[in-house]
Amino acid sequence: MPLFPRFPDFPQCKERGDGKVGQVTELPTDVWHKCSHCEAMVYRKEFEANLKVCPRCNYHERLGAWERLAITVDENSFTEWDANLLPADPLNFPDYAEKVRRDQRRTGLKDAALTGEATIDGMPVAIGITDFQFMGGSMGSVVGEKIARLMERAIDKHLPVFLIIGSGGGARMQEGLLSLMQMAKTSAACGRLHEVRLPYIALLTDSMAGVHASFGSLADIILAEPGALVGFTGPRVIELSLKIKVPKEHRQAEFQFQHGHIDLIVPRKQVRPTVSKLLRFWYG
């Protein structure tokens, strides 16, 4: 029995004319995924079937907005809102325009928020997703405007709101005061939702700084993925500014859940059924 058995279905194994496996001439680069947390090598198909959650350490890799949308809403049910809103560069901030163009190419978004209307298990919902891959999911004038418009349209259409929040950058410094103003604008929109008794559900995949200090922490029900960063200031910023060391765990979803800030920690595969169950309470 040979030490290494033949795997003729693998493209990197080339048979010679005598029926034996010859020298490997080409090794596919997309077969394995290296976990960015535990560094385990995971079969990519297994990793993607597990919705990009490491099967070894349960680390939840970040998803793009379009990926997140695909695993959350019913197929072909999404209608995008405000797709053509473009960020401004009011301060002519160095390299800002180029960074925006870079992330537009990388994510397929005009800015860090994707908003619209869809159904989840047949139930209509106004849905918004902020994409960490677009400048850290930071909130500039476009993101704030799209979140506020989402909530205003939800009121007009009498729809519940579901936001999936991935942000580690807070208010976008490149837009100055226009960015900071979005904290008040989105908070006021959350207040109007509350006044008309429409439910607002938030899933925190990461929620920091200005995003968390506004619409990120004002939901009626706050869910979070395991290990998500949640809080106003990260451990490194605290250490640099206050010269004190804060355990990293204090900014993770599990710590916030233990102290009552988060209602439920939800693994990625359970997000859709959990949100569906919550929506059914409202739709009756």
Protein backbone atom coordinates (compact mmCIF):
# COMPACT_ATOMS: atom_id res chain seq x y z
CA MET A 1 0.00 0.00 0.00
CA PRO A 2 1.51 3.36 -0.98
CA LEU A 3 2.33 5.89 1.72
CA PHE A 4 0.26 8.59 0.01
CA PRO A 5 -2.92 7.33 -1.67
CA ARG A 6 -3.98 8.65 -5.06
CA PHE A 7 -6.68 11.34 -5.27
CA PRO A 8 -7.47 11.55 -8.99
CA ASP A 9 -10.29 14.07 -8.42
CA PHE A 10 -7.86 16.69 -7.12
CA PRO A 11 -6.61 18.88 -9.99
CA GLN A 12 -3.10 19.10 -8.52
CA CYS A 13 -2.53 15.30 -8.94
CA LYS A 14 -1.37 14.54 -12.46
CA GLU A 15 -1.33 10.90 -13.65
CA ARG A 16 1.49 9.68 -15.85
CA GLY A 17 0.90 7.34 -18.73
CA ASP A 18 1.81 4.31 -16.60
CA GLY A 19 -1.08 5.00 -14.18
CA LYS A 20 1.10 6.39 -11.38
CA VAL A 21 0.78 9.82 -9.88
CA GLY A 22 3.44 12.14 -11.18
CA GLN A 23 4.97 15.31 -9.76
CA VAL A 24 2.56 18.01 -8.63
CA THR A 25 2.74 20.77 -11.20
CA GLU A 26 0.09 23.16 -9.91
CA LEU A 27 -1.26 23.77 -6.41
CA PRO A 28 -4.57 25.65 -6.18
CA THR A 29 -4.38 28.70 -3.96
CA ASP A 30 -8.05 28.72 -2.91
CA VAL A 31 -8.43 25.29 -1.31
CA TRP A 32 -7.53 26.31 2.26
CA HIS A 33 -8.35 29.24 4.51
CA LYS A 34 -6.10 30.32 7.38
CA CYS A 35 -8.11 31.48 10.39
CA SER A 36 -7.03 34.98 11.37
CA HIS A 37 -7.62 34.15 15.04
CA CYS A 38 -6.26 30.65 15.76
CA GLU A 39 -4.30 30.37 12.47
CA ALA A 40 -5.71 26.90 11.80
CA MET A 41 -5.83 25.82 8.16
CA VAL A 42 -9.46 25.11 7.31
CA TYR A 43 -10.82 23.57 4.14
CA ARG A 44 -12.32 26.57 2.36
CA LYS A 45 -15.55 24.84 1.32
CA GLU A 46 -16.11 23.79 4.93
CA PHE A 47 -15.34 27.35 6.09
CA GLU A 48 -17.81 28.91 3.65
CA ALA A 49 -20.50 26.30 4.37
CA ASN A 50 -20.12 27.36 8.02
CA LEU A 51 -20.82 30.98 6.96
CA LYS A 52 -17.16 31.98 7.44
CA VAL A 53 -17.03 30.88 11.06
CA CYS A 54 -13.89 28.93 11.99
CA PRO A 55 -14.93 25.35 12.89
CA ARG A 56 -11.88 25.04 15.16
CA CYS A 57 -12.12 28.14 17.40
CA ASN A 58 -15.58 29.56 16.48
CA TYR A 59 -14.06 32.86 15.38
CA HIS A 60 -16.53 34.84 13.27
CA GLU A 61 -14.70 36.35 10.31
CA ARG A 62 -16.11 39.66 9.09
CA LEU A 63 -18.57 39.55 6.21
CA GLY A 64 -19.14 42.18 3.55
CA ALA A 65 -22.55 43.84 3.32
CA TRP A 66 -23.61 41.87 0.25
CA GLU A 67 -22.51 38.58 1.83
CA ARG A 68 -24.42 39.44 4.99
CA LEU A 69 -27.52 40.34 3.00
CA ALA A 70 -27.44 37.02 1.12
CA ILE A 71 -27.55 34.90 4.29
CA THR A 72 -30.14 37.06 6.06
CA VAL A 73 -33.06 37.92 3.76
CA ASP A 74 -35.26 35.87 1.44
CA GLU A 75 -33.80 35.32 -2.01
CA ASN A 76 -34.62 38.03 -4.56
CA SER A 77 -36.62 40.02 -1.98
CA PHE A 78 -34.23 42.97 -1.53
CA THR A 79 -34.93 46.40 -3.01
CA GLU A 80 -32.11 48.88 -2.41
CA TRP A 81 -32.81 52.42 -1.23
CA ASP A 82 -30.65 55.52 -1.87
CA ALA A 83 -28.08 53.58 -3.87
CA ASN A 84 -26.69 56.68 -5.60
CA LEU A 85 -25.78 58.78 -2.56
CA LEU A 86 -22.07 59.65 -2.80
CA PRO A 87 -19.74 60.90 -0.03
CA ALA A 88 -18.43 64.46 -0.23
CA ASP A 89 -14.93 65.69 0.59
CA PRO A 90 -15.73 69.05 2.24
CA LEU A 91 -12.30 69.46 3.82
CA ASN A 92 -10.25 68.25 0.84
CA PHE A 93 -8.74 65.81 3.30
CA PRO A 94 -5.47 64.27 2.05
CA ASP A 95 -5.99 60.95 0.20
CA TYR A 96 -9.64 60.74 1.29
CA ALA A 97 -11.09 60.68 -2.24
CA GLU A 98 -8.69 57.93 -3.27
CA LYS A 99 -9.51 55.82 -0.20
CA VAL A 100 -13.21 56.16 -0.96
CA ARG A 101 -12.67 55.02 -4.55
CA ARG A 102 -10.52 52.11 -3.35
CA ASP A 103 -13.22 50.87 -0.97
CA GLN A 104 -15.96 51.40 -3.55
CA ARG A 105 -14.10 49.03 -5.86
CA ARG A 106 -13.46 46.56 -3.05
CA THR A 107 -17.00 46.38 -1.64
CA GLY A 108 -19.29 47.25 -4.52
CA LEU A 109 -20.85 50.00 -2.37
CA LYS A 110 -20.92 53.78 -2.82
CA ASP A 111 -20.33 54.20 0.94
CA ALA A 112 -20.24 52.04 4.07
CA ALA A 113 -24.02 51.50 4.39
CA LEU A 114 -26.36 49.30 2.37
CA THR A 115 -30.07 49.98 3.00
CA GLY A 116 -33.38 48.86 1.59
CA GLU A 117 -36.49 46.76 2.00
CA ALA A 118 -36.63 42.96 2.02
CA THR A 119 -38.45 40.03 3.58
CA ILE A 120 -37.22 37.55 6.18
CA ASP A 121 -39.27 34.35 6.11
CA GLY A 122 -41.90 36.29 4.21
CA MET A 123 -42.12 39.18 6.67
CA PRO A 124 -41.32 42.66 5.29
CA VAL A 125 -38.54 44.57 7.03
CA ALA A 126 -36.49 47.72 6.48
CA ILE A 127 -32.92 46.51 6.62
CA GLY A 128 -29.58 48.31 6.84
CA ILE A 129 -26.04 46.90 6.92
CA THR A 130 -22.83 48.78 7.60
CA ASP A 131 -19.73 47.26 6.03
CA PHE A 132 -16.52 47.18 8.10
CA GLN A 133 -14.52 46.73 4.89
CA PHE A 134 -15.47 50.26 3.80
CA MET A 135 -13.22 52.52 5.90
CA GLY A 136 -13.88 50.47 9.01
CA GLY A 137 -17.64 50.96 8.72
CA SER A 138 -17.18 54.57 9.82
CA MET A 139 -20.10 56.99 9.65
CA GLY A 140 -19.83 59.95 7.33
CA SER A 141 -22.61 62.13 5.95
CA VAL A 142 -23.85 59.45 3.54
CA VAL A 143 -24.02 56.67 6.13
CA GLY A 144 -25.89 58.87 8.60
CA GLU A 145 -28.28 60.09 5.90
CA LYS A 146 -29.00 56.55 4.69
CA ILE A 147 -29.68 55.26 8.22
CA ALA A 148 -31.98 58.22 8.96
CA ARG A 149 -33.83 57.81 5.64
CA LEU A 150 -34.18 54.08 6.30
CA MET A 151 -35.97 54.77 9.56
CA GLU A 152 -38.13 57.52 8.05
CA ARG A 153 -39.25 55.22 5.23
CA ALA A 154 -39.90 52.46 7.75
CA ILE A 155 -42.28 54.82 9.54
CA ASP A 156 -44.03 55.74 6.26
CA LYS A 157 -44.39 52.06 5.30
CA HIS A 158 -45.06 50.87 8.87
CA LEU A 159 -42.13 48.41 8.78
CA PRO A 160 -39.92 47.06 11.55
CA VAL A 161 -36.24 47.97 11.28
CA PHE A 162 -33.32 45.55 11.38
CA LEU A 163 -29.77 46.94 11.33
CA ILE A 164 -26.62 44.83 11.09
CA ILE A 165 -23.86 47.04 12.42
CA GLY A 166 -20.19 46.52 11.71
CA SER A 167 -18.16 49.59 12.65
CA GLY A 168 -14.86 50.13 14.37
CA GLY A 169 -14.34 53.68 13.20
CA GLY A 170 -17.22 55.72 14.58
CA ALA A 171 -17.70 59.18 13.05
CA ARG A 172 -15.48 59.64 9.96
CA MET A 173 -12.88 62.26 10.78
CA GLN A 174 -12.24 63.09 7.10
CA GLU A 175 -15.65 64.79 6.92
CA GLY A 176 -15.28 66.76 10.15
CA LEU A 177 -18.40 68.28 11.68
CA LEU A 178 -20.64 66.89 8.94
CA SER A 179 -19.76 63.45 10.22
CA LEU A 180 -20.33 64.26 13.90
CA MET A 181 -23.76 65.70 13.07
CA GLN A 182 -24.88 62.24 11.96
CA MET A 183 -24.83 61.01 15.57
CA ALA A 184 -27.63 63.42 16.48
CA LYS A 185 -29.50 62.81 13.23
CA THR A 186 -29.58 59.01 13.56
CA SER A 187 -30.41 59.21 17.29
CA ALA A 188 -33.39 61.46 16.50
CA ALA A 189 -34.56 58.98 13.86
CA CYS A 190 -34.41 56.20 16.46
CA GLY A 191 -36.54 58.39 18.74
CA ARG A 192 -39.20 58.79 16.04
CA LEU A 193 -39.33 55.01 15.58
CA HIS A 194 -39.90 54.64 19.32
CA GLU A 195 -42.70 57.22 19.30
CA VAL A 196 -44.68 55.33 16.66
CA ARG A 197 -44.04 51.97 18.36
CA LEU A 198 -42.14 50.35 15.50
CA PRO A 199 -39.60 47.72 16.58
CA TYR A 200 -35.91 48.32 15.99
CA ILE A 201 -33.62 45.27 16.18
CA ALA A 202 -29.83 45.64 15.96
CA LEU A 203 -27.20 42.97 15.43
CA LEU A 204 -23.73 44.13 16.50
CA THR A 205 -20.93 42.46 14.59
CA ASP A 206 -18.64 45.28 15.77
CA SER A 207 -19.97 48.56 17.17
CA MET A 208 -17.58 51.19 18.42
CA ALA A 209 -17.20 54.95 18.95
CA GLY A 210 -19.69 57.33 17.31
CA VAL A 211 -21.76 54.59 15.69
CA HIS A 212 -22.23 52.84 19.01
CA ALA A 213 -22.85 56.14 20.81
CA SER A 214 -25.78 56.84 18.47
CA PHE A 215 -27.97 54.36 16.61
CA GLY A 216 -25.83 51.35 17.57
CA SER A 217 -27.03 51.31 21.18
CA LEU A 218 -30.60 52.61 20.79
CA ALA A 219 -32.33 49.49 19.50
CA ASP A 220 -35.26 47.91 21.33
CA ILE A 221 -33.51 44.53 21.10
CA ILE A 222 -29.72 44.36 20.82
CA LEU A 223 -28.14 41.16 19.54
CA ALA A 224 -24.44 40.52 18.99
CA GLU A 225 -22.27 37.92 17.34
CA PRO A 226 -19.78 36.04 19.53
CA GLY A 227 -16.57 37.99 20.06
CA ALA A 228 -17.86 41.22 18.52
CA LEU A 229 -16.15 44.44 19.63
CA VAL A 230 -18.70 46.56 21.46
CA GLY A 231 -18.10 49.85 23.30
CA PHE A 232 -17.20 53.47 22.85
CA THR A 233 -13.39 53.41 23.06
CA GLY A 234 -11.08 50.54 22.23
CA PRO A 235 -8.43 49.22 24.65
CA ARG A 236 -5.52 50.68 22.64
CA VAL A 237 -7.00 54.20 22.63
CA ILE A 238 -7.64 54.06 26.37
CA GLU A 239 -4.10 52.88 27.02
CA LEU A 240 -2.57 55.63 24.88
CA SER A 241 -4.70 58.47 26.22
CA LEU A 242 -5.23 57.56 29.90
CA LYS A 243 -2.09 55.46 30.40
CA ILE A 244 -4.07 52.63 31.93
CA LYS A 245 -4.38 49.08 30.66
CA VAL A 246 -7.89 47.75 30.07
CA PRO A 247 -8.45 44.05 29.40
CA LYS A 248 -9.51 43.48 25.81
CA GLU A 249 -12.37 41.32 27.06
CA HIS A 250 -14.09 44.43 28.45
CA ARG A 251 -14.85 45.51 24.89
CA GLN A 252 -16.22 42.19 23.73
CA ALA A 253 -19.87 41.24 23.32
CA GLU A 254 -19.75 38.61 26.06
CA PHE A 255 -18.68 41.15 28.69
CA GLN A 256 -21.38 43.59 27.56
CA PHE A 257 -23.96 40.79 27.71
CA GLN A 258 -22.96 39.89 31.28
CA HIS A 259 -23.47 43.53 32.29
CA GLY A 260 -26.87 43.96 30.66
CA HIS A 261 -25.99 46.07 27.64
CA ILE A 262 -26.73 43.29 25.12
CA ASP A 263 -29.85 41.15 25.15
CA LEU A 264 -28.52 38.03 23.44
CA ILE A 265 -25.32 36.60 21.92
CA VAL A 266 -26.31 34.92 18.65
CA PRO A 267 -24.01 32.65 16.60
CA ARG A 268 -24.09 33.48 12.90
CA LYS A 269 -26.12 30.46 11.83
CA GLN A 270 -28.80 31.41 14.35
CA VAL A 271 -29.16 35.07 13.34
CA ARG A 272 -31.81 34.59 10.66
CA PRO A 273 -34.06 32.24 12.70
CA THR A 274 -33.68 34.47 15.78
CA VAL A 275 -34.64 37.64 13.91
CA SER A 276 -37.49 35.76 12.23
CA LYS A 277 -38.85 34.72 15.61
CA LEU A 278 -38.62 38.29 16.93
CA LEU A 279 -40.43 39.65 13.87
CA ARG A 280 -43.20 37.09 14.31
CA PHE A 281 -43.88 38.47 17.78
CA TRP A 282 -44.56 41.83 16.18
CA TYR A 283 -46.45 40.61 13.12
CA GLY A 284 -48.50 38.32 15.38
